[in-house]
PDB file of N, CA and C in Angstrom:
ATOM      1  N   MET A   1      -4.582 -27.907 -26.304  1.00  0.00           N
ATOM      2  CA  MET A   1      -5.433 -27.183 -26.067  1.00  0.00           C
ATOM      3  C   MET A   1      -5.489 -26.040 -26.896  1.00  0.00           C
ATOM      4  N   SER A   2      -6.852 -25.385 -27.633  1.00  0.00           N
ATOM      5  CA  SER A   2      -6.684 -24.386 -28.084  1.00  0.00           C
ATOM      6  C   SER A   2      -7.585 -23.717 -26.855  1.00  0.00           C
ATOM      7  N   THR A   3      -6.879 -22.002 -26.843  1.00  0.00           N
ATOM      8  CA  THR A   3      -7.895 -21.491 -26.643  1.00  0.00           C
ATOM      9  C   THR A   3      -8.271 -20.376 -26.804  1.00  0.00           C
ATOM     10  N   SER A   4      -9.843 -19.173 -26.667  1.00  0.00           N
ATOM     11  CA  SER A   4     -10.096 -18.465 -27.331  1.00  0.00           C
ATOM     12  C   SER A   4      -9.033 -17.363 -27.288  1.00  0.00           C
ATOM     13  N   PRO A   5      -9.749 -16.430 -28.146  1.00  0.00           N
ATOM     14  CA  PRO A   5      -8.645 -14.844 -28.435  1.00  0.00           C
ATOM     15  C   PRO A   5      -9.164 -14.515 -27.323  1.00  0.00           C
ATOM     16  N   SER A   6     -10.740 -14.073 -26.466  1.00  0.00           N
ATOM     17  CA  SER A   6     -10.608 -13.335 -25.705  1.00  0.00           C
ATOM     18  C   SER A   6     -10.226 -14.040 -24.175  1.00  0.00           C
ATOM     19  N   SER A   7     -10.767 -15.801 -23.990  1.00  0.00           N
ATOM     20  CA  SER A   7     -10.262 -16.212 -22.669  1.00  0.00           C
ATOM     21  C   SER A   7      -8.537 -15.526 -22.643  1.00  0.00           C
ATOM     22  N   ASN A   8      -8.045 -14.969 -23.808  1.00  0.00           N
ATOM     23  CA  ASN A   8      -6.301 -15.086 -23.139  1.00  0.00           C
ATOM     24  C   ASN A   8      -5.975 -13.355 -23.138  1.00  0.00           C
ATOM     25  N   LYS A   9      -7.063 -12.564 -23.389  1.00  0.00           N
ATOM     26  CA  LYS A   9      -7.157 -11.578 -23.126  1.00  0.00           C
ATOM     27  C   LYS A   9      -7.861 -11.082 -21.274  1.00  0.00           C
ATOM     28  N   LEU A  10      -9.164 -12.046 -21.145  1.00  0.00           N
ATOM     29  CA  LEU A  10      -9.450 -12.238 -19.615  1.00  0.00           C
ATOM     30  C   LEU A  10      -7.956 -11.996 -19.300  1.00  0.00           C
ATOM     31  N   MET A  11      -7.340 -13.711 -19.231  1.00  0.00           N
ATOM     32  CA  MET A  11      -5.854 -13.958 -18.405  1.00  0.00           C
ATOM     33  C   MET A  11      -4.845 -12.189 -18.096  1.00  0.00           C
ATOM     34  N   TYR A  12      -4.725 -11.808 -19.802  1.00  0.00           N
ATOM     35  CA  TYR A  12      -3.609 -11.118 -19.401  1.00  0.00           C
ATOM     36  C   TYR A  12      -4.279  -9.786 -18.108  1.00  0.00           C
ATOM     37  N   PHE A  13      -5.673  -9.828 -18.221  1.00  0.00           N
ATOM     38  CA  PHE A  13      -5.879  -8.716 -17.595  1.00  0.00           C
ATOM     39  C   PHE A  13      -5.698  -9.265 -15.926  1.00  0.00           C
ATOM     40  N   VAL A  14      -5.991 -10.008 -15.480  1.00  0.00           N
ATOM     41  CA  VAL A  14      -6.201 -10.485 -14.816  1.00  0.00           C
ATOM     42  C   VAL A  14      -4.448 -10.568 -14.502  1.00  0.00           C
ATOM     43  N   VAL A  15      -3.951 -10.624 -15.147  1.00  0.00           N
ATOM     44  CA  VAL A  15      -2.582 -11.009 -14.932  1.00  0.00           C
ATOM     45  C   VAL A  15      -2.147  -9.264 -14.542  1.00  0.00           C
ATOM     46  N   GLY A  16      -2.180  -8.367 -15.445  1.00  0.00           N
ATOM     47  CA  GLY A  16      -1.783  -7.114 -15.107  1.00  0.00           C
ATOM     48  C   GLY A  16      -2.261  -6.440 -13.737  1.00  0.00           C
ATOM     49  N   ILE A  17      -3.993  -6.637 -13.246  1.00  0.00           N
ATOM     50  CA  ILE A  17      -4.082  -6.433 -12.094  1.00  0.00           C
ATOM     51  C   ILE A  17      -3.325  -6.570 -11.231  1.00  0.00           C
ATOM     52  N   LEU A  18      -3.083  -8.185 -10.698  1.00  0.00           N
ATOM     53  CA  LEU A  18      -2.338  -8.927 -10.004  1.00  0.00           C
ATOM     54  C   LEU A  18      -0.918  -8.276  -9.543  1.00  0.00           C
ATOM     55  N   VAL A  19      -0.495  -7.584 -11.185  1.00  0.00           N
ATOM     56  CA  VAL A  19       0.628  -7.224 -10.802  1.00  0.00           C
ATOM     57  C   VAL A  19       1.100  -6.056 -10.318  1.00  0.00           C
ATOM     58  N   ALA A  20       0.108  -4.568 -11.162  1.00  0.00           N
ATOM     59  CA  ALA A  20      -0.299  -3.441 -10.354  1.00  0.00           C
ATOM     60  C   ALA A  20      -0.881  -3.378  -8.931  1.00  0.00           C
ATOM     61  N   ALA A  21      -1.538  -4.604  -8.583  1.00  0.00           N
ATOM     62  CA  ALA A  21      -1.658  -4.469  -6.732  1.00  0.00           C
ATOM     63  C   ALA A  21      -0.514  -4.734  -6.405  1.00  0.00           C
ATOM     64  N   ALA A  22       0.338  -5.508  -6.929  1.00  0.00           N
ATOM     65  CA  ALA A  22       1.962  -6.256  -5.924  1.00  0.00           C
ATOM     66  C   ALA A  22       2.437  -4.373  -5.749  1.00  0.00           C
ATOM     67  N   ILE A  23       2.783  -4.404  -7.205  1.00  0.00           N
ATOM     68  CA  ILE A  23       3.267  -2.571  -7.598  1.00  0.00           C
ATOM     69  C   ILE A  23       3.026  -1.522  -6.393  1.00  0.00           C
ATOM     70  N   GLY A  24       2.212  -1.412  -6.041  1.00  0.00           N
ATOM     71  CA  GLY A  24       0.615  -0.734  -5.565  1.00  0.00           C
ATOM     72  C   GLY A  24       1.084  -0.581  -3.639  1.00  0.00           C
ATOM     73  N   PHE A  25       1.137  -2.447  -3.383  1.00  0.00           N
ATOM     74  CA  PHE A  25       1.324  -2.609  -1.844  1.00  0.00           C
ATOM     75  C   PHE A  25       2.861  -1.921  -1.291  1.00  0.00           C
ATOM     76  N   GLY A  26       3.809  -1.903  -2.534  1.00  0.00           N
ATOM     77  CA  GLY A  26       5.033  -2.280  -2.687  1.00  0.00           C
ATOM     78  C   GLY A  26       5.860  -1.169  -2.209  1.00  0.00           C
ATOM     79  N   ILE A  27       4.540   0.460  -2.974  1.00  0.00           N
ATOM     80  CA  ILE A  27       4.771   1.290  -2.877  1.00  0.00           C
ATOM     81  C   ILE A  27       4.422   1.974  -1.301  1.00  0.00           C
ATOM     82  N   TYR A  28       2.941   1.407  -1.237  1.00  0.00           N
ATOM     83  CA  TYR A  28       2.285   1.864  -0.077  1.00  0.00           C
ATOM     84  C   TYR A  28       3.191   1.026   1.003  1.00  0.00           C
ATOM     85  N   TYR A  29       3.500   0.024   1.422  1.00  0.00           N
ATOM     86  CA  TYR A  29       4.358  -0.324   1.950  1.00  0.00           C
ATOM     87  C   TYR A  29       5.700   0.561   2.394  1.00  0.00           C
ATOM     88  N   PHE A  30       6.683   0.747   1.637  1.00  0.00           N
ATOM     89  CA  PHE A  30       8.081   1.475   1.671  1.00  0.00           C
ATOM     90  C   PHE A  30       8.018   3.206   2.128  1.00  0.00           C
ATOM     91  N   THR A  31       6.731   3.234   1.490  1.00  0.00           N
ATOM     92  CA  THR A  31       6.645   4.878   1.787  1.00  0.00           C
ATOM     93  C   THR A  31       5.736   4.799   2.930  1.00  0.00           C
ATOM     94  N   GLU A  32       4.554   4.238   3.650  1.00  0.00           N
ATOM     95  CA  GLU A  32       3.288   5.279   4.378  1.00  0.00           C
ATOM     96  C   GLU A  32       3.127   3.978   5.525  1.00  0.00           C
ATOM     97  N   GLY A  33       3.413   3.117   5.198  1.00  0.00           N
ATOM     98  CA  GLY A  33       3.181   1.566   6.227  1.00  0.00           C
ATOM     99  C   GLY A  33       4.798   1.160   7.107  1.00  0.00           C
ATOM    100  N   PRO A  34       4.455  -0.033   7.865  1.00  0.00           N
ATOM    101  CA  PRO A  34       5.292   0.359   9.096  1.00  0.00           C
ATOM    102  C   PRO A  34       6.894   0.160   8.321  1.00  0.00           C
ATOM    103  N   GLY A  35       7.649  -0.211   7.462  1.00  0.00           N
ATOM    104  CA  GLY A  35       8.710   0.234   7.116  1.00  0.00           C
ATOM    105  C   GLY A  35       8.623   1.842   6.707  1.00  0.00           C
ATOM    106  N   GLY A  36       7.603   2.451   7.310  1.00  0.00           N
ATOM    107  CA  GLY A  36       8.266   4.690   6.882  1.00  0.00           C
ATOM    108  C   GLY A  36       9.126   4.736   7.717  1.00  0.00           C
ATOM    109  N   GLU A  37       9.036   6.058   7.724  1.00  0.00           N
ATOM    110  CA  GLU A  37       9.647   7.389   8.588  1.00  0.00           C
ATOM    111  C   GLU A  37       8.870   7.017  10.628  1.00  0.00           C
ATOM    112  N   ASP A  38       9.873   7.134  11.231  1.00  0.00           N
ATOM    113  CA  ASP A  38       8.623   7.537  12.687  1.00  0.00           C
ATOM    114  C   ASP A  38       8.086   8.766  12.402  1.00  0.00           C
ATOM    115  N   LYS A  39       7.156   8.831  13.407  1.00  0.00           N
ATOM    116  CA  LYS A  39       6.148   9.978  13.150  1.00  0.00           C
ATOM    117  C   LYS A  39       6.157  10.775  14.445  1.00  0.00           C
ATOM    118  N   LEU A  40       5.870  12.133  14.927  1.00  0.00           N
ATOM    119  CA  LEU A  40       6.218  12.042  16.269  1.00  0.00           C
ATOM    120  C   LEU A  40       4.855  12.889  16.160  1.00  0.00           C
ATOM    121  N   GLU A  41       4.161  13.363  18.197  1.00  0.00           N
ATOM    122  CA  GLU A  41       3.226  13.771  18.132  1.00  0.00           C
ATOM    123  C   GLU A  41       3.322  14.205  19.173  1.00  0.00           C
ATOM    124  N   ILE A  42       2.678  16.135  19.456  1.00  0.00           N
ATOM    125  CA  ILE A  42       2.643  16.410  20.196  1.00  0.00           C
ATOM    126  C   ILE A  42       0.840  17.511  20.164  1.00  0.00           C
ATOM    127  N   SER A  43       0.877  16.795  21.125  1.00  0.00           N
ATOM    128  CA  SER A  43      -1.155  17.649  21.927  1.00  0.00           C
ATOM    129  C   SER A  43      -0.926  18.433  23.487  1.00  0.00           C
ATOM    130  N   ILE A  44      -1.995  19.886  23.156  1.00  0.00           N
ATOM    131  CA  ILE A  44      -1.527  20.329  24.082  1.00  0.00           C
ATOM    132  C   ILE A  44      -2.899  20.425  24.287  1.00  0.00           C
ATOM    133  N   GLY A  45      -3.090  19.805  25.850  1.00  0.00           N
ATOM    134  CA  GLY A  45      -4.327  20.078  26.884  1.00  0.00           C
ATOM    135  C   GLY A  45      -4.414  20.640  27.870  1.00  0.00           C
ATOM    136  N   GLU A  46      -5.524  20.188  29.008  1.00  0.00           N
ATOM    137  CA  GLU A  46      -5.214  20.509  30.396  1.00  0.00           C
ATOM    138  C   GLU A  46      -4.313  20.122  31.035  1.00  0.00           C
ATOM    139  N   ASP A  47      -3.917  18.798  30.508  1.00  0.00           N
ATOM    140  CA  ASP A  47      -3.180  18.320  31.874  1.00  0.00           C
ATOM    141  C   ASP A  47      -0.721  18.703  31.481  1.00  0.00           C
ATOM    142  N   GLY A  48      -1.467  20.049  29.787  1.00  0.00           N
ATOM    143  CA  GLY A  48      -0.072  19.944  30.212  1.00  0.00           C
ATOM    144  C   GLY A  48       0.684  19.647  28.452  1.00  0.00           C
ATOM    145  N   ILE A  49       1.416  19.749  28.643  1.00  0.00           N
ATOM    146  CA  ILE A  49       2.135  19.389  26.346  1.00  0.00           C
ATOM    147  C   ILE A  49       2.408  17.612  26.544  1.00  0.00           C
ATOM    148  N   LYS A  50       2.191  17.057  25.710  1.00  0.00           N
ATOM    149  CA  LYS A  50       2.449  15.515  25.334  1.00  0.00           C
ATOM    150  C   LYS A  50       3.268  15.434  24.241  1.00  0.00           C
ATOM    151  N   ILE A  51       4.204  14.857  24.714  1.00  0.00           N
ATOM    152  CA  ILE A  51       5.202  14.537  23.378  1.00  0.00           C
ATOM    153  C   ILE A  51       5.212  13.166  23.356  1.00  0.00           C
ATOM    154  N   ASP A  52       5.045  12.473  21.987  1.00  0.00           N
ATOM    155  CA  ASP A  52       4.497  10.762  21.579  1.00  0.00           C
ATOM    156  C   ASP A  52       5.021  10.618  20.100  1.00  0.00           C
ATOM    157  N   GLY A  53       6.529   9.770  20.730  1.00  0.00           N
ATOM    158  CA  GLY A  53       7.840   9.929  19.489  1.00  0.00           C
ATOM    159  C   GLY A  53       7.200   8.015  19.429  1.00  0.00           C
ATOM    160  N   ASN A  54       6.489   8.094  18.092  1.00  0.00           N
ATOM    161  CA  ASN A  54       5.958   6.768  17.999  1.00  0.00           C
ATOM    162  C   ASN A  54       7.355   5.750  17.248  1.00  0.00           C
TER     163      ASN A  54
END
């Protein structure tokens, strides 16, 4: 099966986008996503001080 150079370039482009997306998702997941650090929220209102440790 012979393929033209332009179809090979398109295939490499699509594979590159998928690899970049996988790396980006991994960075997001391990820094900001569910696997990230616990967050502490402190709010002051009419009811007093509320501390919520997620």
